[in-house]
Amino acid sequence: MTMQISQLFPTALLGLASQSPLTFASEATKSEVTSFKQTGLRHSYGGNAICTTGDATVTVNATDLVFSGSTTASQYEISGILREALQINSTWTADHTNGTAAVTGPFKIAVQLCLPTKSTSENYSYVNAAAEACHATLMYDRLGLGGSDLPDPSIVQSFVHVEVLAALVGALKTDMYGSHHFSKVACVGHSHGSFIQIGHDVKYPNVGDAAILTGFGSDLTHVAQSVLAGDATVARDVDPARFGDLPDGYLTNPNAASLMVHYRYPYYDTRLFEQQLPIAGSTFSLADVITSGLVLASAKGHTKPVQVVLGQYDFTFCSGDCSRTADPTIGAVKTFYPDAEVGEGYIVPTSGHCINNHYASGEAFAHMLGLLKEQGL
């Protein structure tokens, strides 16, 4: 069973290279899925799996930061905050943190559980590649995104995302999702999902049976520039019909140009890119951007297998050339998973940051699923 933590265009949710990780507060009550309601049934893109869609009710036990001032400000103020918070040697977070607050929910989290049906190979879809290898996959919309709840954006922080992930992983090992019970769960994160995965494994080492981080590397030097290249814009100003009821603290990427930093021409299907543009605008909160890097730390004690996968031309973690320095995938394993008994890295040739949407995605999927096969998962 693999669990995918990602989004199609994970543009602005990455992290702060200049901030120090926070120590997680001690918490007595675990985060958990308390109920699940099925809402639909469909085939996956490519047809390799049959997918149950539904809403999971999740209670969390998270500790958020409380920021002085407003994180639901105007576009001018938001742009200013992002640039100040992301600048080199920034002290914005420390200067504007005014204590902490407990966050419990409950929250609705939209999930999709896909079970293998038949083998009809299809590019660009990890779900189909996993199904072809006889793996079920659970995907979900993060809090503040898609079909999941969109609460006050000030509480949509990475600390909450870590707890939501913990709850969903725990539920997979019970019968919460109908009659489906999984004894082994491998977590697959992409971009911001990899940040969340590391935060999860710091706090809950070895709960997942393997961790695969894609769109992630050890060099965080240029993450801030990549975030700013996404041109984070107040979501309701970009698409009033779709986001008109959201407060200003919810942001999105406004157009195709704001996504191009994560693609390497001519190594992706431009027709597919254009087809996906109408659904590409994912929402995220200003508070999420500010706290993304604060869940990063060394997951000491995590001994389960780890793999890091990065596109050759990833701009976010390699400034567009992952061959110019020491392997950033192995560097990430050593930095964030020093105790992993199995640690692998793979640089996907001719791929940018959004690996799934490049022609070489099949090679990436083969290496990811190869790790699971080798480890008997």
Protein backbone atom coordinates (compact mmCIF):
# COMPACT_ATOMS: atom_id res chain seq x y z
CA MET A 1 0.00 0.00 0.00
CA THR A 2 1.44 3.36 -0.98
CA MET A 3 0.19 6.71 0.23
CA GLN A 4 0.76 9.71 -1.98
CA ILE A 5 1.16 13.17 -0.47
CA SER A 6 1.34 15.54 -3.37
CA GLN A 7 -0.44 17.91 -5.65
CA LEU A 8 -0.22 18.29 -9.39
CA PHE A 9 1.30 21.74 -9.29
CA PRO A 10 3.06 22.06 -5.91
CA THR A 11 4.40 25.50 -6.76
CA ALA A 12 4.57 27.79 -3.78
CA LEU A 13 4.49 25.43 -0.82
CA LEU A 14 8.09 24.58 -0.19
CA GLY A 15 9.86 25.99 2.84
CA LEU A 16 12.27 28.45 4.38
CA ALA A 17 15.94 27.61 4.10
CA SER A 18 16.82 30.33 6.60
CA GLN A 19 14.62 29.22 9.49
CA SER A 20 15.47 26.74 12.24
CA PRO A 21 13.18 23.75 12.85
CA LEU A 22 10.81 23.93 15.81
CA THR A 23 10.68 21.22 18.43
CA PHE A 24 7.28 19.54 18.43
CA ALA A 25 5.32 19.95 21.62
CA SER A 26 4.60 16.90 23.72
CA GLU A 27 1.05 15.77 23.04
CA ALA A 28 -1.00 13.13 24.84
CA THR A 29 -3.83 12.65 22.37
CA LYS A 30 -3.05 11.24 18.96
CA SER A 31 -4.46 12.61 15.73
CA GLU A 32 -6.91 10.22 14.12
CA VAL A 33 -9.57 9.63 11.48
CA THR A 34 -12.88 9.36 13.31
CA SER A 35 -15.13 8.58 10.33
CA PHE A 36 -15.12 8.07 6.57
CA LYS A 37 -17.97 8.72 4.12
CA GLN A 38 -17.78 7.40 0.57
CA THR A 39 -18.83 9.96 -2.04
CA GLY A 40 -18.04 8.25 -5.34
CA LEU A 41 -16.41 5.50 -7.37
CA ARG A 42 -14.38 5.92 -10.56
CA HIS A 43 -11.52 4.51 -12.59
CA SER A 44 -8.09 6.08 -12.30
CA TYR A 45 -6.57 7.96 -15.22
CA GLY A 46 -5.40 5.16 -17.51
CA GLY A 47 -7.73 2.57 -16.01
CA ASN A 48 -5.31 0.51 -13.91
CA ALA A 49 -7.24 1.06 -10.68
CA ILE A 50 -10.75 1.53 -9.35
CA CYS A 51 -10.87 4.47 -6.96
CA THR A 52 -13.20 5.16 -4.06
CA THR A 53 -13.52 8.86 -3.28
CA GLY A 54 -14.73 10.09 0.06
CA ASP A 55 -14.42 12.44 3.00
CA ALA A 56 -12.41 11.51 6.08
CA THR A 57 -13.18 13.34 9.31
CA VAL A 58 -9.85 14.02 10.99
CA THR A 59 -9.18 15.29 14.50
CA VAL A 60 -5.67 16.58 15.08
CA ASN A 61 -3.57 17.52 18.06
CA ALA A 62 -1.29 20.15 16.60
CA THR A 63 0.45 23.23 17.95
CA ASP A 64 0.44 26.17 15.54
CA LEU A 65 2.29 29.45 15.71
CA VAL A 66 0.33 32.62 16.39
CA PHE A 67 1.56 35.49 14.27
CA SER A 68 1.22 39.11 15.28
CA GLY A 69 -0.59 41.20 12.69
CA SER A 70 -2.69 39.65 9.95
CA THR A 71 -2.00 36.71 7.66
CA THR A 72 -5.12 37.60 5.67
CA ALA A 73 -3.79 40.91 4.39
CA SER A 74 -3.99 42.63 1.01
CA GLN A 75 -1.98 41.52 -2.02
CA TYR A 76 0.54 44.32 -1.38
CA GLU A 77 1.06 43.25 2.23
CA ILE A 78 1.20 39.54 1.35
CA SER A 79 3.84 40.13 -1.32
CA GLY A 80 5.85 42.17 1.17
CA ILE A 81 5.59 39.52 3.88
CA LEU A 82 6.68 36.75 1.51
CA ARG A 83 9.74 38.66 0.36
CA GLU A 84 10.76 39.60 3.88
CA ALA A 85 10.13 36.12 5.29
CA LEU A 86 12.02 34.43 2.44
CA GLN A 87 15.01 36.75 2.26
CA ILE A 88 18.44 35.52 3.32
CA ASN A 89 18.99 35.55 7.10
CA SER A 90 15.37 36.54 7.65
CA THR A 91 14.13 36.96 11.22
CA TRP A 92 10.52 37.61 10.18
CA THR A 93 9.08 34.48 11.79
CA ALA A 94 10.86 35.04 15.10
CA ASP A 95 9.95 38.74 15.11
CA HIS A 96 6.25 38.12 14.40
CA THR A 97 5.54 35.00 16.45
CA ASN A 98 3.32 35.72 19.43
CA GLY A 99 3.10 32.34 21.16
CA THR A 100 1.37 29.15 20.07
CA ALA A 101 -2.17 27.81 19.86
CA ALA A 102 -3.65 24.32 19.94
CA VAL A 103 -5.48 23.17 16.80
CA THR A 104 -7.82 20.18 17.03
CA GLY A 105 -10.34 20.31 14.19
CA PRO A 106 -12.27 18.25 13.27
CA PHE A 107 -11.51 18.75 9.59
CA LYS A 108 -12.90 17.17 6.45
CA ILE A 109 -10.11 15.75 4.30
CA ALA A 110 -10.95 14.61 0.76
CA VAL A 111 -9.32 11.24 0.02
CA GLN A 112 -9.16 8.79 -2.85
CA LEU A 113 -8.33 5.12 -2.30
CA CYS A 114 -7.35 3.30 -5.51
CA LEU A 115 -7.17 -0.49 -5.75
CA PRO A 116 -5.51 -2.37 -8.64
CA THR A 117 -7.80 -3.80 -11.33
CA LYS A 118 -5.88 -4.50 -14.52
CA SER A 119 -2.61 -3.79 -16.30
CA THR A 120 -2.74 -1.12 -19.01
CA SER A 121 0.46 0.91 -18.82
CA GLU A 122 -0.01 4.69 -18.83
CA ASN A 123 2.52 7.50 -18.41
CA TYR A 124 2.24 10.47 -16.03
CA SER A 125 0.25 8.60 -13.36
CA TYR A 126 1.93 7.16 -10.29
CA VAL A 127 -1.42 5.64 -9.28
CA ASN A 128 -1.53 3.58 -12.47
CA ALA A 129 2.11 2.56 -12.24
CA ALA A 130 1.54 1.48 -8.63
CA ALA A 131 -1.62 -0.42 -9.58
CA GLU A 132 0.26 -2.24 -12.33
CA ALA A 133 2.70 -3.35 -9.61
CA CYS A 134 -0.28 -4.49 -7.49
CA HIS A 135 -0.12 -1.61 -5.01
CA ALA A 136 -3.16 0.24 -3.71
CA THR A 137 -2.79 4.01 -3.36
CA LEU A 138 -4.41 6.57 -1.08
CA MET A 139 -4.22 10.20 -2.19
CA TYR A 140 -5.68 13.19 -0.39
CA ASP A 141 -6.17 16.92 -0.65
CA ARG A 142 -4.29 18.76 2.06
CA LEU A 143 -6.23 20.92 4.48
CA GLY A 144 -6.96 24.21 2.71
CA LEU A 145 -6.93 22.66 -0.77
CA GLY A 146 -9.39 21.11 -3.22
CA GLY A 147 -12.19 19.11 -1.69
CA SER A 148 -10.86 19.32 1.88
CA ASP A 149 -11.97 21.93 4.39
CA LEU A 150 -10.77 25.50 3.90
CA PRO A 151 -10.73 26.87 7.46
CA ASP A 152 -9.32 30.18 8.68
CA PRO A 153 -6.06 30.31 6.68
CA SER A 154 -4.05 31.36 9.72
CA ILE A 155 -4.35 27.82 11.14
CA VAL A 156 -3.43 26.05 7.88
CA GLN A 157 0.18 25.43 8.84
CA SER A 158 2.63 22.61 8.26
CA PHE A 159 2.30 21.41 11.85
CA VAL A 160 -1.36 20.60 11.15
CA HIS A 161 -0.46 18.87 7.87
CA VAL A 162 1.92 16.58 9.77
CA GLU A 163 -0.89 15.54 12.11
CA VAL A 164 -3.37 14.98 9.27
CA LEU A 165 -0.84 12.69 7.62
CA ALA A 166 -0.33 10.79 10.88
CA ALA A 167 -4.08 10.29 11.22
CA LEU A 168 -4.52 9.05 7.64
CA VAL A 169 -1.60 6.63 7.90
CA GLY A 170 -2.97 5.24 11.15
CA ALA A 171 -6.43 4.76 9.62
CA LEU A 172 -5.00 2.67 6.77
CA LYS A 173 -3.94 0.05 9.28
CA THR A 174 -7.51 -0.24 10.60
CA ASP A 175 -10.83 -0.90 8.85
CA MET A 176 -11.72 2.81 8.72
CA TYR A 177 -11.89 2.79 4.91
CA GLY A 178 -14.54 0.11 4.65
CA SER A 179 -13.21 -3.44 4.49
CA HIS A 180 -9.76 -2.39 3.32
CA HIS A 181 -7.06 -2.99 5.91
CA PHE A 182 -3.35 -2.63 5.11
CA SER A 183 -0.52 -4.08 7.16
CA LYS A 184 2.19 -2.11 5.32
CA VAL A 185 2.09 1.56 4.30
CA ALA A 186 4.76 3.37 2.28
CA CYS A 187 4.48 7.16 2.12
CA VAL A 188 5.27 8.99 -1.13
CA GLY A 189 5.57 12.76 -0.94
CA HIS A 190 6.20 15.33 -3.64
CA SER A 191 7.65 18.80 -3.10
CA HIS A 192 5.75 20.25 -0.12
CA GLY A 193 4.49 16.74 0.53
CA SER A 194 8.12 15.71 1.08
CA PHE A 195 8.50 18.46 3.70
CA ILE A 196 5.38 17.12 5.44
CA GLN A 197 6.70 13.56 5.22
CA ILE A 198 9.97 14.51 6.89
CA GLY A 199 8.07 16.37 9.62
CA HIS A 200 5.94 13.25 10.14
CA ASP A 201 8.96 10.95 10.36
CA VAL A 202 10.69 13.30 12.81
CA LYS A 203 7.73 13.11 15.16
CA TYR A 204 6.56 9.58 14.35
CA PRO A 205 9.61 7.59 13.21
CA ASN A 206 8.98 4.16 11.69
CA VAL A 207 5.18 4.51 11.64
CA GLY A 208 5.34 4.30 7.85
CA ASP A 209 7.11 1.27 6.39
CA ALA A 210 9.04 3.33 3.81
CA ALA A 211 9.38 6.97 2.80
CA ILE A 212 9.85 8.14 -0.79
CA LEU A 213 10.50 11.85 -1.22
CA THR A 214 10.19 13.23 -4.76
CA GLY A 215 10.85 16.76 -5.90
CA PHE A 216 13.18 17.24 -2.93
CA GLY A 217 16.91 17.54 -2.32
CA SER A 218 19.53 18.57 0.20
CA ASP A 219 20.30 22.02 -1.25
CA LEU A 220 17.69 24.49 0.05
CA THR A 221 19.62 27.55 -1.14
CA HIS A 222 17.26 28.46 -3.97
CA VAL A 223 13.94 27.33 -2.57
CA ALA A 224 12.95 30.91 -1.74
CA GLN A 225 13.53 32.08 -5.32
CA SER A 226 11.41 29.23 -6.62
CA VAL A 227 8.59 30.15 -4.24
CA LEU A 228 8.69 33.78 -5.36
CA ALA A 229 8.76 32.70 -9.03
CA GLY A 230 5.34 31.15 -8.40
CA ASP A 231 3.92 34.69 -8.08
CA ALA A 232 1.63 33.85 -5.14
CA THR A 233 -1.58 35.83 -5.64
CA VAL A 234 -4.73 36.25 -3.56
CA ALA A 235 -6.88 33.37 -4.82
CA ARG A 236 -10.19 35.23 -4.95
CA ASP A 237 -8.61 37.93 -7.15
CA VAL A 238 -7.39 35.27 -9.61
CA ASP A 239 -10.69 33.40 -9.93
CA PRO A 240 -13.65 35.11 -8.19
CA ALA A 241 -16.10 32.47 -9.41
CA ARG A 242 -14.10 29.66 -7.85
CA PHE A 243 -12.46 31.33 -4.86
CA GLY A 244 -14.61 34.40 -4.27
CA ASP A 245 -15.71 33.32 -0.78
CA LEU A 246 -12.16 32.74 0.50
CA PRO A 247 -10.34 35.30 2.68
CA ASP A 248 -7.21 37.02 1.40
CA GLY A 249 -4.95 34.62 3.32
CA TYR A 250 -5.59 31.93 0.68
CA LEU A 251 -3.24 32.24 -2.29
CA THR A 252 -2.78 30.54 -5.65
CA ASN A 253 -0.53 30.63 -8.71
CA PRO A 254 -2.22 32.93 -11.22
CA ASN A 255 -1.23 31.66 -14.68
CA ALA A 256 0.86 29.29 -16.78
CA ALA A 257 3.96 31.46 -16.50
CA SER A 258 3.96 31.07 -12.72
CA LEU A 259 4.25 27.30 -13.14
CA MET A 260 6.97 27.17 -15.79
CA VAL A 261 9.82 27.21 -13.26
CA HIS A 262 8.93 23.59 -12.49
CA TYR A 263 9.05 22.33 -16.10
CA ARG A 264 11.93 21.76 -18.50
CA TYR A 265 11.10 22.28 -22.16
CA PRO A 266 10.99 20.29 -24.44
CA TYR A 267 10.87 17.29 -22.08
CA TYR A 268 7.17 17.42 -21.21
CA ASP A 269 3.90 17.12 -23.08
CA THR A 270 2.69 20.69 -23.67
CA ARG A 271 -0.79 19.48 -24.64
CA LEU A 272 -1.15 17.76 -21.28
CA PHE A 273 0.12 20.90 -19.57
CA GLU A 274 -2.54 23.00 -21.30
CA GLN A 275 -5.29 20.49 -20.53
CA GLN A 276 -4.46 20.64 -16.84
CA LEU A 277 -4.24 24.40 -16.54
CA PRO A 278 -7.96 24.89 -15.73
CA ILE A 279 -7.57 22.70 -12.64
CA ALA A 280 -4.00 23.68 -11.81
CA GLY A 281 -4.75 26.56 -9.43
CA SER A 282 -4.30 24.99 -6.02
CA THR A 283 -4.93 27.09 -2.94
CA PHE A 284 -2.48 27.44 -0.08
CA SER A 285 -2.19 29.77 2.88
CA LEU A 286 0.35 32.44 3.63
CA ALA A 287 0.84 30.82 7.04
CA ASP A 288 1.63 27.53 5.30
CA VAL A 289 4.43 29.10 3.27
CA ILE A 290 5.90 30.70 6.38
CA THR A 291 5.87 27.47 8.41
CA SER A 292 6.82 24.95 5.71
CA GLY A 293 10.51 24.82 6.56
CA LEU A 294 9.91 24.67 10.29
CA VAL A 295 9.00 20.97 10.26
CA LEU A 296 12.33 20.02 8.70
CA ALA A 297 14.78 18.28 11.04
CA SER A 298 16.81 15.09 11.16
CA ALA A 299 14.49 12.09 11.60
CA LYS A 300 16.79 10.34 14.03
CA GLY A 301 15.65 6.87 14.95
CA HIS A 302 13.81 6.38 11.66
CA THR A 303 15.32 3.18 10.31
CA LYS A 304 12.84 2.22 7.59
CA PRO A 305 13.82 2.43 3.88
CA VAL A 306 14.10 5.91 2.33
CA GLN A 307 14.42 7.02 -1.28
CA VAL A 308 14.81 10.55 -2.63
CA VAL A 309 13.95 11.26 -6.29
CA LEU A 310 14.74 14.53 -8.06
CA GLY A 311 14.51 15.75 -11.65
CA GLN A 312 17.81 16.42 -13.43
CA TYR A 313 16.76 20.00 -14.20
CA ASP A 314 14.97 20.76 -10.94
CA PHE A 315 15.29 24.50 -10.40
CA THR A 316 14.04 24.55 -6.81
CA PHE A 317 16.72 22.27 -5.36
CA CYS A 318 19.47 22.38 -7.98
CA SER A 319 19.12 25.77 -9.71
CA GLY A 320 18.29 23.80 -12.87
CA ASP A 321 21.32 21.49 -12.92
CA CYS A 322 21.51 18.62 -10.43
CA SER A 323 24.87 17.45 -11.81
CA ARG A 324 26.78 20.56 -10.78
CA THR A 325 27.35 19.50 -7.16
CA ALA A 326 27.40 16.36 -5.03
CA ASP A 327 24.30 14.21 -5.49
CA PRO A 328 21.50 16.17 -3.72
CA THR A 329 19.35 13.04 -3.36
CA ILE A 330 21.95 11.12 -1.35
CA GLY A 331 22.71 14.33 0.52
CA ALA A 332 19.05 14.56 1.55
CA VAL A 333 19.05 10.96 2.81
CA LYS A 334 22.17 11.59 4.91
CA THR A 335 20.88 14.89 6.27
CA PHE A 336 17.29 14.02 7.09
CA TYR A 337 17.41 10.21 7.56
CA PRO A 338 20.83 9.44 9.06
CA ASP A 339 19.65 6.19 10.68
CA ALA A 340 17.85 4.69 7.67
CA GLU A 341 19.05 1.15 7.08
CA VAL A 342 18.37 1.54 3.36
CA GLY A 343 18.84 4.97 1.76
CA GLU A 344 18.74 5.51 -2.00
CA GLY A 345 18.73 8.43 -4.38
CA TYR A 346 17.79 8.77 -8.02
CA ILE A 347 18.07 11.73 -10.39
CA VAL A 348 15.50 11.47 -13.18
CA PRO A 349 17.07 12.35 -16.53
CA THR A 350 15.53 15.20 -18.58
CA SER A 351 12.97 16.08 -15.92
CA GLY A 352 12.13 19.28 -14.12
CA HIS A 353 10.57 19.62 -10.67
CA CYS A 354 7.11 18.30 -11.62
CA ILE A 355 8.41 14.82 -12.38
CA ASN A 356 5.02 13.21 -13.02
CA ASN A 357 4.34 15.51 -15.96
CA HIS A 358 7.61 14.90 -17.82
CA TYR A 359 8.21 12.23 -20.43
CA ALA A 360 10.68 10.49 -18.08
CA SER A 361 8.05 9.97 -15.36
CA GLY A 362 7.92 6.25 -16.10
CA GLU A 363 11.61 5.90 -15.20
CA ALA A 364 10.97 7.64 -11.91
CA PHE A 365 8.01 5.40 -11.09
CA ALA A 366 10.07 2.30 -11.91
CA HIS A 367 12.76 3.28 -9.40
CA MET A 368 10.22 4.18 -6.72
CA LEU A 369 8.30 0.94 -7.09
CA GLY A 370 11.56 -0.95 -7.40
CA LEU A 371 12.49 0.09 -3.87
CA LEU A 372 9.19 -1.23 -2.55
CA LYS A 373 9.68 -4.54 -4.35
CA GLU A 374 13.24 -4.91 -3.08
CA GLN A 375 12.08 -4.30 0.48
CA GLY A 376 9.17 -6.72 0.22
CA LEU A 377 6.50 -4.02 0.54
